[in-house]
Amino acid sequence: MKHRTYTIGEASRLSGVSVRRLRFYSDKGLLPPAGRTESGYRVFTDEELVRLDLIRCLRDAGLGLDAIREVLSREFPLADALRIRLRALEAEIASQRRVASALRAVLRSPELTEADLRRYWTMINLSRTERRNVIERFYSQVSQDVRIDPEWMRQMIEASTPELPDDPTPEQCDAWIELSAILDDPGFVANVRSNAKEIWDGADFDLNAWQAAAEPFMEKAKDAVAQGFGPGSETAHELAQEWLETSARVMGRAPDDDYKAWLRTRYAAHDSRSVRYWELVAIMKGQPPQTSPNQEWNWIIDAMKHHLAE
């Protein structure tokens, strides 16, 4: 059966593709002509026009010429090529959403400056891996010359590295910016390292025993907070005495005056940013800041201060 042939001009009119673009595809080997006239002009058939539709579709999907050539030559499955392009498009969309989120966040500044935009963009454009690197670097600095349990460090890093959504809210963006600033503060690093050294360099600190003792006590503190008992209440006093005895036992110490003096020193040096740290992590997870477990710990610290003062 003889196929109908079209000149390059006719093929251009039928397909809506310019003559120049048809020549380009032909010269690149993507659209070989069905033949040539005696004068050397290219001619095409319906088969080439169908092939041209596929080329246009793949180009619209964002595939490069080399990838299209492999698909057309059956060297690369079409489905695989489209999956790769889909992943690339999804990454581009996520990137554009981060840009939009950065712009929304920076436009909230009362006095917008170029420095604000650079700061927001730098922070928000970090991938999860890069955010994790920031947190890992912080704990690496904290653990210098301290015998910190590797499993505890792993738990802290995992808990501190939430997955931000593709389109984070301005509050989530602000939370990451504030958190990264805290982690980069040498004073905060030094304070956390000092506290960690007092705990982990103790003779027989047992992380598992500490967590087993703290978990049920945290539930008691949570109930006390929910019932509206203040850190100076009788309920808080009873819980503080219980925690004094429990924590001393886990630390391998006696709940005597020396241990009380040690606790006073620790609580006096307590950095409020430690509480804020976990509030920011909660915000990044899309949760209210008060869902942070440090609300209970902060209550316990205040209760212990009252108790120890007495």
Protein backbone atom coordinates (compact mmCIF):
# COMPACT_ATOMS: atom_id res chain seq x y z
CA MET A 1 0.00 0.00 0.00
CA LYS A 2 1.38 3.36 -1.00
CA HIS A 3 1.55 5.95 1.83
CA ARG A 4 0.60 9.52 1.17
CA THR A 5 3.60 11.80 1.30
CA TYR A 6 3.86 15.39 2.47
CA THR A 7 6.38 18.06 1.77
CA ILE A 8 8.01 19.65 4.78
CA GLY A 9 5.70 22.67 4.34
CA GLU A 10 2.62 20.46 4.27
CA ALA A 11 3.86 18.52 7.31
CA SER A 12 4.38 21.84 9.09
CA ARG A 13 0.83 23.00 8.39
CA LEU A 14 -0.71 19.68 9.43
CA SER A 15 1.26 19.38 12.67
CA GLY A 16 1.53 23.03 13.66
CA VAL A 17 5.31 22.62 14.02
CA SER A 18 7.48 25.14 12.22
CA VAL A 19 9.52 24.11 9.20
CA ARG A 20 12.64 25.15 11.06
CA ARG A 21 11.78 22.87 14.00
CA LEU A 22 11.01 19.96 11.64
CA ARG A 23 14.41 20.38 9.98
CA PHE A 24 16.03 20.49 13.44
CA TYR A 25 14.38 17.22 14.55
CA SER A 26 15.27 15.64 11.24
CA ASP A 27 18.91 16.74 11.39
CA LYS A 28 19.17 15.40 14.96
CA GLY A 29 17.98 12.00 13.81
CA LEU A 30 14.72 12.14 15.76
CA LEU A 31 12.50 12.49 12.69
CA PRO A 32 14.17 10.88 9.67
CA PRO A 33 12.19 11.71 6.49
CA ALA A 34 10.43 8.91 4.66
CA GLY A 35 12.46 9.87 1.61
CA ARG A 36 13.49 12.74 -0.60
CA THR A 37 12.29 14.09 -3.91
CA GLU A 38 14.50 14.11 -6.98
CA SER A 39 15.36 17.69 -6.03
CA GLY A 40 16.50 16.57 -2.57
CA TYR A 41 13.58 17.91 -0.59
CA ARG A 42 12.47 15.90 2.43
CA VAL A 43 9.10 14.18 2.35
CA PHE A 44 7.14 12.71 5.22
CA THR A 45 4.27 10.26 5.64
CA ASP A 46 1.55 9.79 8.26
CA GLU A 47 3.96 7.53 10.14
CA GLU A 48 6.42 10.42 10.60
CA LEU A 49 3.60 12.70 11.71
CA VAL A 50 2.63 10.18 14.43
CA ARG A 51 6.30 10.03 15.46
CA LEU A 52 6.34 13.83 15.55
CA ASP A 53 3.37 13.84 17.93
CA LEU A 54 5.30 11.55 20.29
CA ILE A 55 8.37 13.80 20.10
CA ARG A 56 6.29 16.83 20.95
CA CYS A 57 4.64 15.01 23.86
CA LEU A 58 7.99 13.96 25.28
CA ARG A 59 9.40 17.46 24.85
CA ASP A 60 6.39 18.93 26.63
CA ALA A 61 7.06 16.44 29.44
CA GLY A 62 10.54 17.93 29.69
CA LEU A 63 12.66 15.11 28.27
CA GLY A 64 15.91 16.00 26.58
CA LEU A 65 16.78 15.12 23.01
CA ASP A 66 19.07 12.25 24.02
CA ALA A 67 16.38 10.68 26.18
CA ILE A 68 13.80 11.04 23.40
CA ARG A 69 16.21 9.42 20.95
CA GLU A 70 16.63 6.43 23.29
CA VAL A 71 12.86 6.11 23.71
CA LEU A 72 12.25 6.26 19.97
CA SER A 73 14.95 3.69 19.30
CA ARG A 74 13.46 1.39 22.01
CA GLU A 75 16.73 1.56 23.97
CA PHE A 76 14.90 3.09 26.94
CA PRO A 77 11.34 2.12 27.96
CA LEU A 78 8.86 4.95 27.60
CA ALA A 79 7.37 4.32 31.05
CA ASP A 80 10.80 4.59 32.70
CA ALA A 81 11.51 7.84 30.89
CA LEU A 82 8.21 9.31 32.04
CA ARG A 83 8.77 8.16 35.63
CA ILE A 84 12.14 9.91 35.72
CA ARG A 85 10.59 13.06 34.33
CA LEU A 86 7.74 12.87 36.84
CA ARG A 87 10.19 12.69 39.74
CA ALA A 88 12.08 15.66 38.35
CA LEU A 89 8.84 17.65 37.97
CA GLU A 90 7.80 16.82 41.53
CA ALA A 91 11.18 18.02 42.80
CA GLU A 92 10.79 21.23 40.79
CA ILE A 93 7.29 21.77 42.19
CA ALA A 94 8.56 21.24 45.75
CA SER A 95 11.35 23.71 45.08
CA GLN A 96 8.91 26.31 43.78
CA ARG A 97 6.73 25.82 46.84
CA ARG A 98 9.74 26.46 49.07
CA VAL A 99 10.40 29.66 47.12
CA ALA A 100 6.77 30.74 47.60
CA SER A 101 6.96 29.89 51.29
CA ALA A 102 10.16 31.93 51.68
CA LEU A 103 8.55 34.89 49.97
CA ARG A 104 5.43 34.67 52.15
CA ALA A 105 7.56 34.49 55.28
CA VAL A 106 9.84 37.38 54.37
CA LEU A 107 6.91 39.59 53.35
CA ARG A 108 5.67 39.34 56.92
CA SER A 109 8.71 41.32 58.11
CA PRO A 110 7.67 44.86 59.04
CA GLU A 111 10.86 46.31 57.54
CA LEU A 112 11.83 44.14 54.60
CA THR A 113 15.53 44.02 53.74
CA GLU A 114 17.64 42.02 51.31
CA ALA A 115 19.30 40.39 54.31
CA ASP A 116 15.90 39.08 55.48
CA LEU A 117 15.28 37.49 52.10
CA ARG A 118 18.73 35.89 51.98
CA ARG A 119 18.32 34.53 55.50
CA TYR A 120 14.88 33.02 54.85
CA TRP A 121 15.86 31.62 51.49
CA THR A 122 19.06 30.03 52.75
CA MET A 123 17.30 28.30 55.63
CA ILE A 124 14.15 27.19 53.83
CA ASN A 125 15.98 25.90 50.77
CA LEU A 126 17.88 23.32 52.82
CA SER A 127 16.96 19.71 52.15
CA ARG A 128 16.07 17.36 55.00
CA THR A 129 19.58 15.89 54.76
CA GLU A 130 21.11 19.34 55.09
CA ARG A 131 18.85 20.16 58.06
CA ARG A 132 19.89 16.89 59.66
CA ASN A 133 23.53 17.82 59.11
CA VAL A 134 22.96 21.04 61.07
CA ILE A 135 21.51 19.06 63.98
CA GLU A 136 24.20 16.37 63.81
CA ARG A 137 26.89 19.05 63.89
CA PHE A 138 25.30 20.52 67.03
CA TYR A 139 25.30 17.17 68.85
CA SER A 140 28.82 16.47 67.65
CA GLN A 141 29.94 19.73 69.30
CA VAL A 142 27.98 18.91 72.46
CA SER A 143 29.60 15.48 72.73
CA GLN A 144 33.20 16.68 72.50
CA ASP A 145 35.13 15.17 75.44
CA VAL A 146 31.87 13.78 76.86
CA ARG A 147 31.07 10.06 77.09
CA ILE A 148 27.57 10.42 75.64
CA ASP A 149 25.75 7.23 74.77
CA PRO A 150 25.59 6.93 70.91
CA GLU A 151 22.03 5.56 71.08
CA TRP A 152 20.86 8.62 73.05
CA MET A 153 22.47 10.89 70.48
CA ARG A 154 20.77 9.00 67.66
CA GLN A 155 17.39 9.37 69.38
CA MET A 156 17.90 13.11 69.87
CA ILE A 157 18.95 13.65 66.24
CA GLU A 158 16.00 11.64 64.91
CA ALA A 159 13.54 13.47 67.15
CA SER A 160 14.98 16.87 66.17
CA THR A 161 14.86 16.37 62.39
CA PRO A 162 11.20 16.55 61.37
CA GLU A 163 10.19 16.31 57.73
CA LEU A 164 8.95 19.72 56.65
CA PRO A 165 6.08 19.57 54.14
CA ASP A 166 6.62 20.66 50.53
CA ASP A 167 4.72 23.84 51.31
CA PRO A 168 5.71 24.71 54.89
CA THR A 169 3.75 27.36 56.72
CA PRO A 170 5.43 30.66 57.63
CA GLU A 171 5.34 29.47 61.28
CA GLN A 172 7.25 26.30 60.35
CA CYS A 173 9.78 28.33 58.38
CA ASP A 174 10.23 30.74 61.28
CA ALA A 175 10.64 27.78 63.65
CA TRP A 176 13.47 26.31 61.60
CA ILE A 177 15.19 29.68 61.31
CA GLU A 178 14.97 30.23 65.07
CA LEU A 179 16.08 26.66 65.83
CA SER A 180 19.10 26.87 63.53
CA ALA A 181 20.13 30.11 65.22
CA ILE A 182 19.94 28.44 68.64
CA LEU A 183 21.97 25.46 67.44
CA ASP A 184 24.62 27.80 66.05
CA ASP A 185 25.00 29.76 69.30
CA PRO A 186 28.34 28.86 70.98
CA GLY A 187 26.89 29.80 74.37
CA PHE A 188 24.03 27.34 73.99
CA VAL A 189 26.40 24.61 72.78
CA ALA A 190 28.68 25.20 75.78
CA ASN A 191 25.76 25.13 78.22
CA VAL A 192 24.35 21.88 76.86
CA ARG A 193 27.82 20.32 76.78
CA SER A 194 28.40 21.30 80.41
CA ASN A 195 25.11 19.74 81.49
CA ALA A 196 25.79 16.62 79.43
CA LYS A 197 29.24 16.25 80.96
CA GLU A 198 27.82 16.29 84.49
CA ILE A 199 25.36 13.57 83.56
CA TRP A 200 27.26 11.30 81.21
CA ASP A 201 30.65 11.47 82.87
CA GLY A 202 29.11 10.19 86.09
CA ALA A 203 30.28 6.87 87.38
CA ASP A 204 27.37 4.61 86.40
CA PHE A 205 24.75 6.57 84.50
CA ASP A 206 22.28 4.13 82.93
CA LEU A 207 20.25 5.65 80.09
CA ASN A 208 17.70 2.84 79.99
CA ALA A 209 17.13 3.02 83.73
CA TRP A 210 16.75 6.81 83.53
CA GLN A 211 14.18 6.59 80.72
CA ALA A 212 12.27 3.81 82.52
CA ALA A 213 12.07 5.95 85.66
CA ALA A 214 11.28 9.21 83.86
CA GLU A 215 8.45 7.96 81.63
CA PRO A 216 5.85 7.20 84.34
CA PHE A 217 6.90 10.28 86.30
CA MET A 218 6.34 12.44 83.21
CA GLU A 219 2.80 11.12 83.01
CA LYS A 220 2.19 12.20 86.60
CA ALA A 221 3.57 15.66 85.85
CA LYS A 222 1.41 15.86 82.74
CA ASP A 223 -1.70 15.06 84.78
CA ALA A 224 -0.74 17.67 87.37
CA VAL A 225 -0.32 20.32 84.66
CA ALA A 226 -3.67 19.35 83.08
CA GLN A 227 -5.39 19.70 86.49
CA GLY A 228 -3.94 23.17 86.90
CA PHE A 229 -1.57 22.49 89.81
CA GLY A 230 1.21 25.06 89.96
CA PRO A 231 4.89 24.27 90.65
CA GLY A 232 4.42 25.59 94.21
CA SER A 233 1.38 23.46 95.01
CA GLU A 234 1.28 20.61 97.51
CA THR A 235 0.89 18.15 94.62
CA ALA A 236 4.03 19.58 93.00
CA HIS A 237 5.83 19.31 96.35
CA GLU A 238 4.98 15.61 96.64
CA LEU A 239 6.05 14.93 93.05
CA ALA A 240 9.28 16.89 93.52
CA GLN A 241 10.14 14.76 96.57
CA GLU A 242 9.37 11.63 94.59
CA TRP A 243 11.57 12.77 91.71
CA LEU A 244 14.36 13.71 94.10
CA GLU A 245 14.46 10.18 95.43
CA THR A 246 13.92 8.52 92.05
CA SER A 247 16.55 10.52 90.18
CA ALA A 248 19.08 10.04 92.98
CA ARG A 249 18.54 6.28 92.86
CA VAL A 250 18.97 6.17 89.06
CA MET A 251 22.12 8.31 89.35
CA GLY A 252 23.53 5.94 91.94
CA ARG A 253 23.47 8.60 94.63
CA ALA A 254 21.70 9.29 97.90
CA PRO A 255 19.04 12.04 98.07
CA ASP A 256 21.15 13.90 100.61
CA ASP A 257 22.31 17.51 100.96
CA ASP A 258 25.19 17.00 98.48
CA TYR A 259 22.82 15.71 95.84
CA LYS A 260 20.39 18.54 96.52
CA ALA A 261 23.21 21.08 96.15
CA TRP A 262 24.19 19.47 92.85
CA LEU A 263 20.61 19.72 91.60
CA ARG A 264 20.40 23.39 92.63
CA THR A 265 23.51 24.10 90.58
CA ARG A 266 22.10 22.32 87.56
CA TYR A 267 18.72 24.05 87.75
CA ALA A 268 20.36 27.44 88.23
CA ALA A 269 22.33 26.89 85.04
CA HIS A 270 19.26 25.69 83.13
CA ASP A 271 19.00 27.46 79.78
CA SER A 272 15.40 28.34 78.87
CA ARG A 273 16.33 27.80 75.23
CA SER A 274 16.39 24.05 75.96
CA VAL A 275 12.62 24.26 76.39
CA ARG A 276 12.25 26.50 73.37
CA TYR A 277 14.27 23.96 71.34
CA TRP A 278 11.57 21.32 71.64
CA GLU A 279 8.76 23.83 71.18
CA LEU A 280 10.28 24.74 67.82
CA VAL A 281 10.59 21.06 66.87
CA ALA A 282 6.88 20.63 67.68
CA ILE A 283 5.98 23.61 65.47
CA MET A 284 8.04 22.18 62.60
CA LYS A 285 6.05 18.95 62.95
CA GLY A 286 2.84 20.96 62.55
CA GLN A 287 1.92 20.63 66.23
CA PRO A 288 1.18 23.32 68.86
CA PRO A 289 4.31 24.25 70.82
CA GLN A 290 2.69 23.16 74.09
CA THR A 291 2.68 19.55 72.87
CA SER A 292 6.41 19.49 73.49
CA PRO A 293 7.28 17.16 76.44
CA ASN A 294 9.42 19.97 77.79
CA GLN A 295 6.27 21.63 79.10
CA GLU A 296 6.18 18.89 81.73
CA TRP A 297 9.92 19.01 82.30
CA ASN A 298 9.80 22.76 82.75
CA TRP A 299 7.04 22.32 85.34
CA ILE A 300 9.13 19.67 87.08
CA ILE A 301 12.17 21.98 87.16
CA ASP A 302 10.11 24.79 88.68
CA ALA A 303 8.61 22.37 91.22
CA MET A 304 12.10 21.10 92.12
CA LYS A 305 13.33 24.66 92.59
CA HIS A 306 10.50 25.34 95.05
CA HIS A 307 11.15 22.07 96.83
CA LEU A 308 14.90 22.50 97.07
CA ALA A 309 14.52 26.10 98.24
CA GLU A 310 12.44 24.83 101.16
